[in-house]
Amino acid sequence: MESKDLDQQLIEKIKNGDQAAFGLLLEKYQQRAYYFCLRLVSRPEDAEDLAQEGFVKVFKNISAFRGAASFQTWFYQILLNLCRSYHRHRYLVNRFTFNFSRRDGEDEEMEQSLENSVPDQSLDGNPQRLINNEELKLLLEEALQTLPRQQKEIFTLKHFEELKISEIAGITGLAEGTVKIHLFRAVRRLQEILKEFKEQR
């Protein structure tokens, strides 16, 4: 039985009050949810809390799930929104603290906007192969944290969670073309970091 079909069966049972079915869904996605959150927030304790909060939201809102998208897509959208809220909260806390010490009239740095460019189709390399190499995987995990937020989110969804571009677009709320641009830039930056690492060896 395909994973999506199994998810749908479990969801129907959960809607009918089957707690054991929710336990099976939790068991299936628990580890994946934790590592997804960890790659986006970096702190293990916060990643664990966010993953648990994600399952709480699933349990509370499962009756609203209509199956227009897969459960996996719906669940990752919940987790992504939680991680984004986490970062917004940390940003506001840090900004509030910073405002006490900054000089009057000092401007905040503006986040660089996405350029209207098209990915270079000659991009070589295979990120998935690098992920499967344990030594390079550790370096890749560290390098991932240096990427801008959207690039990190999209690279994680594509190469760690192995989702399709169309699924990532649905989760992030971005156009597929924009997803491809962010993905290209993420891969290019990570390849530069890995190249530097190899040259130093």
C-alpha atoms as a PDB file:
ATOM      1  CA  MET A   1       0.000   0.000   0.000  1.00  0.00           C
ATOM      2  CA  GLU A   2       1.323   3.437  -0.937  1.00  0.00           C
ATOM      3  CA  SER A   3       2.240   5.838   1.854  1.00  0.00           C
ATOM      4  CA  LYS A   4      -0.410   8.389   0.812  1.00  0.00           C
ATOM      5  CA  ASP A   5      -3.139   5.735   0.833  1.00  0.00           C
ATOM      6  CA  LEU A   6      -2.046   4.564   4.281  1.00  0.00           C
ATOM      7  CA  ASP A   7      -2.082   8.151   5.576  1.00  0.00           C
ATOM      8  CA  GLN A   8      -5.610   8.646   4.248  1.00  0.00           C
ATOM      9  CA  GLN A   9      -6.825   5.463   5.941  1.00  0.00           C
ATOM     10  CA  LEU A  10      -5.260   6.525   9.241  1.00  0.00           C
ATOM     11  CA  ILE A  11      -6.814   9.979   8.965  1.00  0.00           C
ATOM     12  CA  GLU A  12     -10.272   8.536   8.397  1.00  0.00           C
ATOM     13  CA  LYS A  13      -9.849   6.359  11.485  1.00  0.00           C
ATOM     14  CA  ILE A  14      -8.633   9.322  13.534  1.00  0.00           C
ATOM     15  CA  LYS A  15     -11.695  11.325  12.464  1.00  0.00           C
ATOM     16  CA  ASN A  16     -13.800   8.451  13.784  1.00  0.00           C
ATOM     17  CA  GLY A  17     -12.092   8.639  17.168  1.00  0.00           C
ATOM     18  CA  ASP A  18      -9.447   5.921  16.722  1.00  0.00           C
ATOM     19  CA  GLN A  19      -6.610   7.036  19.030  1.00  0.00           C
ATOM     20  CA  ALA A  20      -4.419   4.110  18.016  1.00  0.00           C
ATOM     21  CA  ALA A  21      -4.474   5.384  14.428  1.00  0.00           C
ATOM     22  CA  PHE A  22      -3.137   8.733  15.586  1.00  0.00           C
ATOM     23  CA  GLY A  23      -0.370   6.871  17.403  1.00  0.00           C
ATOM     24  CA  LEU A  24       0.593   5.173  14.132  1.00  0.00           C
ATOM     25  CA  LEU A  25       0.611   8.506  12.299  1.00  0.00           C
ATOM     26  CA  LEU A  26       2.749   9.993  15.065  1.00  0.00           C
ATOM     27  CA  GLU A  27       5.172   7.079  14.871  1.00  0.00           C
ATOM     28  CA  LYS A  28       5.482   7.448  11.103  1.00  0.00           C
ATOM     29  CA  TYR A  29       6.207  11.175  11.051  1.00  0.00           C
ATOM     30  CA  GLN A  30       7.705  11.928  14.470  1.00  0.00           C
ATOM     31  CA  GLN A  31      11.368  11.614  13.565  1.00  0.00           C
ATOM     32  CA  ARG A  32      10.945  13.328  10.204  1.00  0.00           C
ATOM     33  CA  ALA A  33       9.102  16.236  11.848  1.00  0.00           C
ATOM     34  CA  TYR A  34      11.835  16.661  14.450  1.00  0.00           C
ATOM     35  CA  TYR A  35      14.697  16.738  11.943  1.00  0.00           C
ATOM     36  CA  PHE A  36      12.761  19.047   9.624  1.00  0.00           C
ATOM     37  CA  CYS A  37      12.275  21.551  12.450  1.00  0.00           C
ATOM     38  CA  LEU A  38      15.863  21.097  13.640  1.00  0.00           C
ATOM     39  CA  ARG A  39      17.235  22.092  10.236  1.00  0.00           C
ATOM     40  CA  LEU A  40      15.128  25.256  10.296  1.00  0.00           C
ATOM     41  CA  VAL A  41      15.629  26.373  13.910  1.00  0.00           C
ATOM     42  CA  SER A  42      18.978  24.724  14.837  1.00  0.00           C
ATOM     43  CA  ARG A  43      18.152  24.250  18.546  1.00  0.00           C
ATOM     44  CA  PRO A  44      17.272  20.618  19.425  1.00  0.00           C
ATOM     45  CA  GLU A  45      15.016  21.490  22.360  1.00  0.00           C
ATOM     46  CA  ASP A  46      13.079  24.041  20.289  1.00  0.00           C
ATOM     47  CA  ALA A  47      12.838  21.639  17.344  1.00  0.00           C
ATOM     48  CA  GLU A  48      11.338  19.003  19.625  1.00  0.00           C
ATOM     49  CA  ASP A  49       8.808  21.480  21.014  1.00  0.00           C
ATOM     50  CA  LEU A  50       7.825  22.652  17.526  1.00  0.00           C
ATOM     51  CA  ALA A  51       7.414  19.103  16.232  1.00  0.00           C
ATOM     52  CA  GLN A  52       5.186  18.244  19.202  1.00  0.00           C
ATOM     53  CA  GLU A  53       3.167  21.425  18.674  1.00  0.00           C
ATOM     54  CA  GLY A  54       2.752  20.402  15.054  1.00  0.00           C
ATOM     55  CA  PHE A  55       1.191  17.083  16.064  1.00  0.00           C
ATOM     56  CA  VAL A  56      -1.087  18.877  18.520  1.00  0.00           C
ATOM     57  CA  LYS A  57      -2.314  21.100  15.679  1.00  0.00           C
ATOM     58  CA  VAL A  58      -2.840  18.044  13.481  1.00  0.00           C
ATOM     59  CA  PHE A  59      -4.916  16.358  16.191  1.00  0.00           C
ATOM     60  CA  LYS A  60      -7.000  19.484  16.825  1.00  0.00           C
ATOM     61  CA  ASN A  61      -7.575  20.273  13.153  1.00  0.00           C
ATOM     62  CA  ILE A  62      -7.760  16.817  11.586  1.00  0.00           C
ATOM     63  CA  SER A  63     -11.479  17.211  10.957  1.00  0.00           C
ATOM     64  CA  ALA A  64     -10.687  20.168   8.668  1.00  0.00           C
ATOM     65  CA  PHE A  65      -8.374  18.073   6.492  1.00  0.00           C
ATOM     66  CA  ARG A  66     -10.232  17.362   3.246  1.00  0.00           C
ATOM     67  CA  GLY A  67      -7.485  15.608   1.298  1.00  0.00           C
ATOM     68  CA  ALA A  68      -7.147  18.212  -1.472  1.00  0.00           C
ATOM     69  CA  ALA A  69      -3.389  17.837  -0.920  1.00  0.00           C
ATOM     70  CA  SER A  70      -1.574  14.932   0.680  1.00  0.00           C
ATOM     71  CA  PHE A  71      -1.372  14.726   4.459  1.00  0.00           C
ATOM     72  CA  GLN A  72       2.404  15.058   4.139  1.00  0.00           C
ATOM     73  CA  THR A  73       2.056  18.395   2.331  1.00  0.00           C
ATOM     74  CA  TRP A  74      -0.499  19.631   4.862  1.00  0.00           C
ATOM     75  CA  PHE A  75       1.659  18.556   7.804  1.00  0.00           C
ATOM     76  CA  TYR A  76       4.837  20.179   6.463  1.00  0.00           C
ATOM     77  CA  GLN A  77       2.895  23.395   5.925  1.00  0.00           C
ATOM     78  CA  ILE A  78       1.901  23.325   9.592  1.00  0.00           C
ATOM     79  CA  LEU A  79       5.506  22.700  10.671  1.00  0.00           C
ATOM     80  CA  LEU A  80       6.858  25.395   8.364  1.00  0.00           C
ATOM     81  CA  ASN A  81       4.406  27.970   9.724  1.00  0.00           C
ATOM     82  CA  LEU A  82       5.394  27.057  13.277  1.00  0.00           C
ATOM     83  CA  CYS A  83       9.086  27.462  12.441  1.00  0.00           C
ATOM     84  CA  ARG A  84       8.425  30.810  10.777  1.00  0.00           C
ATOM     85  CA  SER A  85       6.479  32.006  13.831  1.00  0.00           C
ATOM     86  CA  TYR A  86       9.380  30.874  16.002  1.00  0.00           C
ATOM     87  CA  HIS A  87      11.822  32.983  13.978  1.00  0.00           C
ATOM     88  CA  ARG A  88       9.482  36.003  13.955  1.00  0.00           C
ATOM     89  CA  HIS A  89       9.216  35.813  17.724  1.00  0.00           C
ATOM     90  CA  ARG A  90      12.991  35.606  18.150  1.00  0.00           C
ATOM     91  CA  TYR A  91      13.469  38.483  15.709  1.00  0.00           C
ATOM     92  CA  LEU A  92      11.005  40.694  17.604  1.00  0.00           C
ATOM     93  CA  VAL A  93      12.623  39.857  20.944  1.00  0.00           C
ATOM     94  CA  ASN A  94      16.101  40.605  19.582  1.00  0.00           C
ATOM     95  CA  ARG A  95      14.917  43.804  17.899  1.00  0.00           C
ATOM     96  CA  PHE A  96      13.183  45.006  21.069  1.00  0.00           C
ATOM     97  CA  THR A  97      16.364  44.390  23.058  1.00  0.00           C
ATOM     98  CA  PHE A  98      18.519  46.036  20.394  1.00  0.00           C
ATOM     99  CA  ASN A  99      16.359  49.158  20.269  1.00  0.00           C
ATOM    100  CA  PHE A 100      17.395  50.079  23.805  1.00  0.00           C
ATOM    101  CA  SER A 101      21.032  50.339  22.804  1.00  0.00           C
ATOM    102  CA  ARG A 102      20.897  51.644  19.216  1.00  0.00           C
ATOM    103  CA  ARG A 103      21.481  55.280  18.396  1.00  0.00           C
ATOM    104  CA  ASP A 104      18.552  57.497  17.387  1.00  0.00           C
ATOM    105  CA  GLY A 105      18.003  57.521  13.643  1.00  0.00           C
ATOM    106  CA  GLU A 106      19.989  54.345  12.971  1.00  0.00           C
ATOM    107  CA  ASP A 107      18.355  52.390  10.158  1.00  0.00           C
ATOM    108  CA  GLU A 108      17.532  48.712  10.173  1.00  0.00           C
ATOM    109  CA  GLU A 109      19.081  46.641   7.421  1.00  0.00           C
ATOM    110  CA  MET A 110      16.535  45.707   4.794  1.00  0.00           C
ATOM    111  CA  GLU A 111      16.257  42.104   3.710  1.00  0.00           C
ATOM    112  CA  GLN A 112      17.550  41.652   0.173  1.00  0.00           C
ATOM    113  CA  SER A 113      14.660  41.167  -2.258  1.00  0.00           C
ATOM    114  CA  LEU A 114      14.433  38.273  -4.674  1.00  0.00           C
ATOM    115  CA  GLU A 115      15.796  39.175  -8.109  1.00  0.00           C
ATOM    116  CA  ASN A 116      13.830  38.328 -11.228  1.00  0.00           C
ATOM    117  CA  SER A 117      16.320  35.863 -12.624  1.00  0.00           C
ATOM    118  CA  VAL A 118      16.211  32.372 -14.058  1.00  0.00           C
ATOM    119  CA  PRO A 119      18.319  29.487 -12.684  1.00  0.00           C
ATOM    120  CA  ASP A 120      21.362  28.514 -14.712  1.00  0.00           C
ATOM    121  CA  GLN A 121      20.413  25.212 -16.298  1.00  0.00           C
ATOM    122  CA  SER A 122      24.100  24.230 -16.486  1.00  0.00           C
ATOM    123  CA  LEU A 123      24.269  23.772 -12.708  1.00  0.00           C
ATOM    124  CA  ASP A 124      26.053  20.486 -12.060  1.00  0.00           C
ATOM    125  CA  GLY A 125      26.443  18.343  -8.962  1.00  0.00           C
ATOM    126  CA  ASN A 126      24.015  16.141  -7.081  1.00  0.00           C
ATOM    127  CA  PRO A 127      22.984  17.419  -3.618  1.00  0.00           C
ATOM    128  CA  GLN A 128      21.239  14.134  -2.848  1.00  0.00           C
ATOM    129  CA  ARG A 129      24.495  12.236  -3.362  1.00  0.00           C
ATOM    130  CA  LEU A 130      26.213  14.586  -0.924  1.00  0.00           C
ATOM    131  CA  ILE A 131      23.487  14.001   1.644  1.00  0.00           C
ATOM    132  CA  ASN A 132      24.153  10.263   1.452  1.00  0.00           C
ATOM    133  CA  ASN A 133      27.864  10.798   2.229  1.00  0.00           C
ATOM    134  CA  GLU A 134      28.144  10.953   6.023  1.00  0.00           C
ATOM    135  CA  GLU A 135      31.229  13.192   6.169  1.00  0.00           C
ATOM    136  CA  LEU A 136      29.868  15.712   3.701  1.00  0.00           C
ATOM    137  CA  LYS A 137      26.402  15.462   5.236  1.00  0.00           C
ATOM    138  CA  LEU A 138      27.709  16.930   8.498  1.00  0.00           C
ATOM    139  CA  LEU A 139      29.311  19.807   6.615  1.00  0.00           C
ATOM    140  CA  LEU A 140      26.155  20.278   4.580  1.00  0.00           C
ATOM    141  CA  GLU A 141      24.045  20.514   7.752  1.00  0.00           C
ATOM    142  CA  GLU A 142      26.340  23.265   9.055  1.00  0.00           C
ATOM    143  CA  ALA A 143      26.438  25.095   5.734  1.00  0.00           C
ATOM    144  CA  LEU A 144      22.637  24.933   5.524  1.00  0.00           C
ATOM    145  CA  GLN A 145      22.390  27.232   8.533  1.00  0.00           C
ATOM    146  CA  THR A 146      24.200  29.999   6.639  1.00  0.00           C
ATOM    147  CA  LEU A 147      21.500  30.234   3.957  1.00  0.00           C
ATOM    148  CA  PRO A 148      18.706  32.832   3.929  1.00  0.00           C
ATOM    149  CA  ARG A 149      15.464  31.537   5.436  1.00  0.00           C
ATOM    150  CA  GLN A 150      13.555  30.731   2.244  1.00  0.00           C
ATOM    151  CA  GLN A 151      16.536  29.055   0.594  1.00  0.00           C
ATOM    152  CA  LYS A 152      17.037  26.889   3.667  1.00  0.00           C
ATOM    153  CA  GLU A 153      13.348  25.958   3.808  1.00  0.00           C
ATOM    154  CA  ILE A 154      13.159  25.040   0.137  1.00  0.00           C
ATOM    155  CA  PHE A 155      16.436  23.104   0.038  1.00  0.00           C
ATOM    156  CA  THR A 156      15.340  21.125   3.100  1.00  0.00           C
ATOM    157  CA  LEU A 157      11.947  20.294   1.590  1.00  0.00           C
ATOM    158  CA  LYS A 158      13.482  19.258  -1.735  1.00  0.00           C
ATOM    159  CA  HIS A 159      16.636  17.384  -0.819  1.00  0.00           C
ATOM    160  CA  PHE A 160      15.980  16.134   2.706  1.00  0.00           C
ATOM    161  CA  GLU A 161      12.223  15.565   2.522  1.00  0.00           C
ATOM    162  CA  GLU A 162      12.360  14.718  -1.208  1.00  0.00           C
ATOM    163  CA  LEU A 163       9.221  16.656  -2.139  1.00  0.00           C
ATOM    164  CA  LYS A 164       8.299  17.773  -5.640  1.00  0.00           C
ATOM    165  CA  ILE A 165       8.560  21.408  -6.737  1.00  0.00           C
ATOM    166  CA  SER A 166       4.758  21.577  -6.981  1.00  0.00           C
ATOM    167  CA  GLU A 167       4.413  20.271  -3.397  1.00  0.00           C
ATOM    168  CA  ILE A 168       6.980  22.765  -2.116  1.00  0.00           C
ATOM    169  CA  ALA A 169       5.128  25.575  -3.857  1.00  0.00           C
ATOM    170  CA  GLY A 170       1.932  24.500  -2.091  1.00  0.00           C
ATOM    171  CA  ILE A 171       3.640  24.343   1.294  1.00  0.00           C
ATOM    172  CA  THR A 172       5.509  27.652   1.047  1.00  0.00           C
ATOM    173  CA  GLY A 173       2.863  29.614  -0.829  1.00  0.00           C
ATOM    174  CA  LEU A 174       5.368  30.557  -3.550  1.00  0.00           C
ATOM    175  CA  ALA A 175       5.085  30.190  -7.317  1.00  0.00           C
ATOM    176  CA  GLU A 176       6.912  27.166  -8.725  1.00  0.00           C
ATOM    177  CA  GLY A 177       9.283  29.433 -10.657  1.00  0.00           C
ATOM    178  CA  THR A 178      10.200  31.274  -7.461  1.00  0.00           C
ATOM    179  CA  VAL A 179      10.780  27.956  -5.692  1.00  0.00           C
ATOM    180  CA  LYS A 180      13.190  26.930  -8.466  1.00  0.00           C
ATOM    181  CA  ILE A 181      15.093  30.210  -8.177  1.00  0.00           C
ATOM    182  CA  HIS A 182      15.530  29.834  -4.408  1.00  0.00           C
ATOM    183  CA  LEU A 183      16.513  26.196  -4.842  1.00  0.00           C
ATOM    184  CA  PHE A 184      19.101  27.043  -7.492  1.00  0.00           C
ATOM    185  CA  ARG A 185      20.649  29.738  -5.310  1.00  0.00           C
ATOM    186  CA  ALA A 186      20.734  27.444  -2.299  1.00  0.00           C
ATOM    187  CA  VAL A 187      22.434  24.661  -4.257  1.00  0.00           C
ATOM    188  CA  ARG A 188      24.932  27.088  -5.782  1.00  0.00           C
ATOM    189  CA  ARG A 189      25.879  28.515  -2.379  1.00  0.00           C
ATOM    190  CA  LEU A 190      26.200  25.099  -0.762  1.00  0.00           C
ATOM    191  CA  GLN A 191      28.351  23.853  -3.640  1.00  0.00           C
ATOM    192  CA  GLU A 192      30.664  26.837  -3.131  1.00  0.00           C
ATOM    193  CA  ILE A 193      31.045  25.946   0.543  1.00  0.00           C
ATOM    194  CA  LEU A 194      31.693  22.293  -0.239  1.00  0.00           C
ATOM    195  CA  LYS A 195      34.250  23.270  -2.903  1.00  0.00           C
ATOM    196  CA  GLU A 196      36.112  25.400  -0.361  1.00  0.00           C
ATOM    197  CA  PHE A 197      36.101  22.453   2.040  1.00  0.00           C
ATOM    198  CA  LYS A 198      37.570  20.077  -0.566  1.00  0.00           C
ATOM    199  CA  GLU A 199      40.270  22.568  -1.536  1.00  0.00           C
ATOM    200  CA  GLN A 200      41.374  22.850   2.092  1.00  0.00           C
ATOM    201  CA  ARG A 201      41.864  19.107   2.458  1.00  0.00           C
END
